[in-house]
Amino acid sequence: MLSLFKGKTLNKTIIVALDFSSLESALTCLDKLDPTLCRVKIGKELFTSAGPESVKQATVRGFDVFLDLKFHDIPNTVAKAAVAAAEMGVWMLNVHAGGGFKMLAETRAALNSFGKERPLLIGVTLLTSFSPSDLVAVGVSDNPEAHVLRLAQLAKDAGLDGVVCSAREAGLLREKCGEKFCLVTPGIRRSQDENNDQKRVQTPSEAIASGSDFLVMGRPITKAKDPMGVIRSIYESI
């Protein structure tokens, strides 16, 4: 909820991506994590497999849940989906900023009825798997930074709390959108980690220095023998 957003405070800066195909696997991972030191992200794979029960099981264990379903549809449909997510008690949810101003603004308005308990609403700018050539292939001639900035400004104008962006754009967005605009950055890898399918990546310390508020990390933590050991080492590095 909004009261849990701590900006630059490092406590619970890390959001662990629960990218699992079954609830059982996700719960095994959750039982190795400390909700006082991290939050969790539930995306399409786990939510499609386990549904709202995945959110319930995380929240009853004390975790703040970022529901990463990237809603993108007509305004009324997205607004109702966001309300359904808020009723599950999620801490944060996201929508595609490319859905346009009306979709973003109507979704924000629909969540206002939750008052102080409303979840953070974040706009997705450009997936960190995208390269400049990928943008060209879908008809966008701008470079990634310009495209991300335009969508971030659109999200801010519509009243969203922040955006999901690559850490490489975080410095630019922090300068243009202000200190109170929340920046959530996936594609975070330690120097010893593999990039996997991420193309625009940075280390945790680089991302924080650039202006990121929350760092989304999956496999470097969830595949580790000691997930909390990795998380503590990341906090020490930043």
Protein backbone atom coordinates (compact mmCIF):
# COMPACT_ATOMS: atom_id res chain seq x y z
CA MET A 1 0.00 0.00 0.00
CA LEU A 2 1.03 3.63 -0.30
CA SER A 3 2.06 3.80 3.33
CA LEU A 4 4.66 1.11 2.63
CA PHE A 5 6.44 3.03 -0.10
CA LYS A 6 9.78 4.11 1.37
CA GLY A 7 11.39 5.81 -1.64
CA LYS A 8 15.15 5.70 -1.25
CA THR A 9 15.10 3.71 2.00
CA LEU A 10 16.90 0.43 1.25
CA ASN A 11 14.64 -1.67 3.48
CA LYS A 12 12.58 -3.95 1.18
CA THR A 13 14.03 -2.35 -1.96
CA ILE A 14 14.42 -5.79 -3.55
CA ILE A 15 11.39 -7.37 -5.20
CA VAL A 16 11.87 -11.10 -5.79
CA ALA A 17 10.24 -12.37 -8.99
CA LEU A 18 8.35 -15.59 -8.29
CA ASP A 19 8.64 -16.89 -11.85
CA PHE A 20 7.40 -20.41 -11.18
CA SER A 21 4.95 -22.65 -13.02
CA SER A 22 3.33 -24.06 -9.88
CA LEU A 23 2.14 -22.75 -6.53
CA GLU A 24 4.09 -25.48 -4.75
CA SER A 25 7.38 -24.26 -6.22
CA ALA A 26 6.53 -20.65 -5.38
CA LEU A 27 5.69 -21.53 -1.77
CA THR A 28 8.96 -23.43 -1.40
CA CYS A 29 10.76 -20.26 -2.44
CA LEU A 30 8.63 -18.01 -0.21
CA ASP A 31 9.49 -20.12 2.80
CA LYS A 32 13.17 -19.28 2.22
CA LEU A 33 12.56 -15.51 2.08
CA ASP A 34 12.14 -12.89 4.80
CA PRO A 35 9.19 -10.52 4.24
CA THR A 36 10.89 -7.85 6.32
CA LEU A 37 13.76 -7.63 3.82
CA CYS A 38 12.08 -8.10 0.45
CA ARG A 39 8.85 -7.95 -1.47
CA VAL A 40 7.68 -10.41 -4.15
CA LYS A 41 6.40 -10.18 -7.71
CA ILE A 42 3.76 -12.51 -9.10
CA GLY A 43 3.62 -12.52 -12.88
CA LYS A 44 1.70 -14.16 -15.69
CA GLU A 45 3.18 -17.64 -15.36
CA LEU A 46 2.38 -18.19 -11.69
CA PHE A 47 -0.91 -16.29 -11.74
CA THR A 48 -2.15 -18.24 -14.76
CA SER A 49 -1.20 -21.48 -13.03
CA ALA A 50 -2.39 -20.77 -9.49
CA GLY A 51 -4.64 -17.70 -9.78
CA PRO A 52 -5.53 -15.44 -6.81
CA GLU A 53 -4.44 -18.20 -4.41
CA SER A 54 -0.83 -17.28 -5.23
CA VAL A 55 -1.44 -13.74 -4.01
CA LYS A 56 -3.27 -14.96 -0.92
CA GLN A 57 -0.49 -17.35 0.07
CA ALA A 58 2.14 -14.63 -0.29
CA THR A 59 0.17 -12.01 1.64
CA VAL A 60 -0.69 -14.33 4.55
CA ARG A 61 3.05 -14.91 4.90
CA GLY A 62 3.52 -11.18 5.32
CA PHE A 63 4.82 -10.30 1.85
CA ASP A 64 3.92 -7.17 -0.09
CA VAL A 65 2.85 -8.39 -3.54
CA PHE A 66 3.60 -6.68 -6.82
CA LEU A 67 1.05 -8.14 -9.27
CA ASP A 68 2.85 -8.01 -12.59
CA LEU A 69 0.14 -8.74 -15.16
CA LYS A 70 0.78 -5.67 -17.36
CA PHE A 71 -2.87 -4.94 -18.10
CA HIS A 72 -3.46 -3.51 -21.59
CA ASP A 73 -7.00 -3.34 -22.95
CA ILE A 74 -9.85 -0.87 -23.36
CA PRO A 75 -10.05 1.57 -20.42
CA ASN A 76 -13.12 0.07 -18.73
CA THR A 77 -11.72 -3.45 -18.83
CA VAL A 78 -8.35 -2.44 -17.39
CA ALA A 79 -9.94 -0.30 -14.67
CA LYS A 80 -12.12 -3.20 -13.52
CA ALA A 81 -9.16 -5.59 -13.58
CA ALA A 82 -7.18 -3.16 -11.44
CA VAL A 83 -10.00 -2.95 -8.92
CA ALA A 84 -10.14 -6.75 -8.75
CA ALA A 85 -6.38 -6.79 -8.08
CA ALA A 86 -6.72 -4.17 -5.36
CA GLU A 87 -9.45 -6.22 -3.69
CA MET A 88 -6.96 -9.09 -3.41
CA GLY A 89 -4.77 -6.82 -1.29
CA VAL A 90 -1.82 -6.37 -3.64
CA TRP A 91 0.73 -3.68 -2.80
CA MET A 92 1.48 -2.73 -6.41
CA LEU A 93 0.13 -3.51 -9.87
CA ASN A 94 1.05 -2.43 -13.37
CA VAL A 95 -0.48 -1.53 -16.72
CA HIS A 96 1.11 -0.88 -20.10
CA ALA A 97 1.71 2.84 -20.49
CA GLY A 98 1.28 2.29 -24.22
CA GLY A 99 -2.43 1.76 -23.55
CA GLY A 100 -2.86 5.53 -23.72
CA PHE A 101 -3.82 8.40 -21.45
CA LYS A 102 -7.51 7.49 -21.12
CA MET A 103 -6.77 3.92 -20.06
CA LEU A 104 -4.18 5.10 -17.52
CA ALA A 105 -6.31 7.90 -16.08
CA GLU A 106 -9.48 5.81 -15.77
CA THR A 107 -7.56 3.04 -14.03
CA ARG A 108 -6.07 5.50 -11.55
CA ALA A 109 -9.52 6.99 -10.92
CA ALA A 110 -11.02 3.55 -10.31
CA LEU A 111 -8.41 2.82 -7.64
CA ASN A 112 -9.01 6.07 -5.77
CA SER A 113 -11.99 4.49 -4.03
CA PHE A 114 -9.54 2.44 -1.95
CA GLY A 115 -8.20 5.61 -0.33
CA LYS A 116 -5.05 5.12 1.70
CA GLU A 117 -5.24 1.38 1.06
CA ARG A 118 -5.00 1.63 -2.69
CA PRO A 119 -2.08 -0.16 -4.34
CA LEU A 120 0.63 1.67 -6.20
CA LEU A 121 -0.19 1.91 -9.91
CA ILE A 122 2.84 1.62 -12.17
CA GLY A 123 3.11 2.01 -15.94
CA VAL A 124 5.23 -0.36 -18.03
CA THR A 125 7.33 1.64 -20.49
CA LEU A 126 9.56 -0.70 -22.50
CA LEU A 127 10.34 -4.32 -21.66
CA THR A 128 13.98 -4.85 -20.72
CA SER A 129 14.19 -7.62 -23.34
CA PHE A 130 13.73 -4.98 -26.09
CA SER A 131 16.70 -3.71 -28.09
CA PRO A 132 16.74 -0.74 -30.52
CA SER A 133 16.27 -3.15 -33.45
CA ASP A 134 13.20 -4.64 -31.73
CA LEU A 135 11.68 -1.15 -31.54
CA VAL A 136 12.28 -0.56 -35.23
CA ALA A 137 10.61 -3.89 -36.01
CA VAL A 138 7.37 -2.71 -34.38
CA GLY A 139 7.44 0.69 -36.06
CA VAL A 140 9.04 2.87 -33.36
CA SER A 141 11.85 4.99 -34.78
CA ASP A 142 12.88 6.58 -31.46
CA ASN A 143 15.75 5.17 -29.45
CA PRO A 144 14.78 3.29 -26.24
CA GLU A 145 15.53 6.27 -23.96
CA ALA A 146 13.29 8.67 -25.90
CA HIS A 147 10.48 6.13 -26.11
CA VAL A 148 10.66 5.36 -22.40
CA LEU A 149 10.69 9.05 -21.46
CA ARG A 150 7.61 9.79 -23.57
CA LEU A 151 5.64 6.96 -21.98
CA ALA A 152 6.83 7.87 -18.48
CA GLN A 153 5.66 11.45 -18.92
CA LEU A 154 2.32 10.16 -20.19
CA ALA A 155 1.99 7.96 -17.10
CA LYS A 156 2.85 10.84 -14.79
CA ASP A 157 0.34 13.14 -16.50
CA ALA A 158 -2.33 10.46 -15.99
CA GLY A 159 -1.61 10.38 -12.25
CA LEU A 160 0.27 7.10 -11.99
CA ASP A 161 2.71 6.58 -9.12
CA GLY A 162 5.61 5.67 -11.36
CA VAL A 163 6.85 3.37 -14.08
CA VAL A 164 8.72 0.18 -14.77
CA CYS A 165 11.89 0.99 -16.67
CA SER A 166 15.38 -0.25 -17.34
CA ALA A 167 17.97 1.01 -14.86
CA ARG A 168 19.70 2.57 -17.85
CA GLU A 169 16.82 5.04 -18.17
CA ALA A 170 16.38 5.60 -14.43
CA GLY A 171 18.70 8.61 -14.24
CA LEU A 172 16.94 10.37 -17.09
CA LEU A 173 13.48 9.68 -15.65
CA ARG A 174 14.53 10.76 -12.17
CA GLU A 175 15.70 14.08 -13.62
CA LYS A 176 12.62 14.63 -15.78
CA CYS A 177 9.86 13.19 -13.56
CA GLY A 178 11.04 14.20 -10.09
CA GLU A 179 12.01 12.53 -6.84
CA LYS A 180 8.51 11.37 -5.89
CA PHE A 181 7.97 9.42 -9.13
CA CYS A 182 8.52 5.72 -8.37
CA LEU A 183 10.98 3.84 -10.59
CA VAL A 184 10.81 0.06 -10.62
CA THR A 185 13.68 -1.60 -12.47
CA PRO A 186 13.82 -5.20 -13.66
CA GLY A 187 16.81 -6.59 -15.53
CA ILE A 188 19.01 -6.34 -12.44
CA ARG A 189 22.00 -8.66 -12.43
CA ARG A 190 25.08 -8.91 -10.23
CA SER A 191 28.37 -8.90 -12.12
CA GLN A 192 28.65 -12.68 -11.75
CA ASP A 193 25.10 -13.42 -12.99
CA GLU A 194 24.03 -14.40 -16.51
CA ASN A 195 21.84 -11.91 -18.40
CA ASN A 196 19.52 -14.68 -19.69
CA ASP A 197 16.82 -13.01 -21.83
CA GLN A 198 17.46 -9.51 -20.49
CA LYS A 199 19.28 -7.07 -22.78
CA ARG A 200 19.26 -3.72 -20.93
CA VAL A 201 20.73 -4.69 -17.56
CA GLN A 202 22.64 -3.11 -14.69
CA THR A 203 24.02 -4.19 -11.31
CA PRO A 204 22.08 -3.37 -8.11
CA SER A 205 24.50 -0.63 -7.07
CA GLU A 206 24.43 0.95 -10.54
CA ALA A 207 20.62 0.93 -10.54
CA ILE A 208 20.34 2.56 -7.11
CA ALA A 209 22.93 5.17 -8.08
CA SER A 210 20.91 5.91 -11.22
CA GLY A 211 17.77 6.61 -9.19
CA SER A 212 15.88 3.31 -9.00
CA ASP A 213 13.50 2.86 -6.06
CA PHE A 214 12.83 -0.87 -6.38
CA LEU A 215 14.97 -3.62 -7.92
CA VAL A 216 13.23 -6.64 -9.44
CA MET A 217 15.39 -9.77 -9.37
CA GLY A 218 14.44 -13.33 -10.19
CA ARG A 219 16.81 -16.17 -11.00
CA PRO A 220 19.92 -14.75 -9.28
CA ILE A 221 17.94 -15.05 -6.02
CA THR A 222 15.40 -17.83 -6.60
CA LYS A 223 17.94 -20.25 -8.06
CA ALA A 224 20.47 -19.61 -5.28
CA LYS A 225 21.11 -22.18 -2.53
CA ASP A 226 20.81 -19.35 0.02
CA PRO A 227 18.37 -16.74 -1.35
CA MET A 228 18.50 -14.54 1.76
CA GLY A 229 22.29 -14.67 1.69
CA VAL A 230 22.16 -13.24 -1.83
CA ILE A 231 19.69 -10.54 -0.77
CA ARG A 232 21.81 -9.52 2.22
CA SER A 233 24.92 -9.37 0.02
CA ILE A 234 23.08 -7.10 -2.41
CA TYR A 235 22.07 -4.73 0.37
CA GLU A 236 25.66 -4.64 1.52
CA SER A 237 26.82 -3.79 -2.02
CA ILE A 238 24.46 -0.82 -2.30
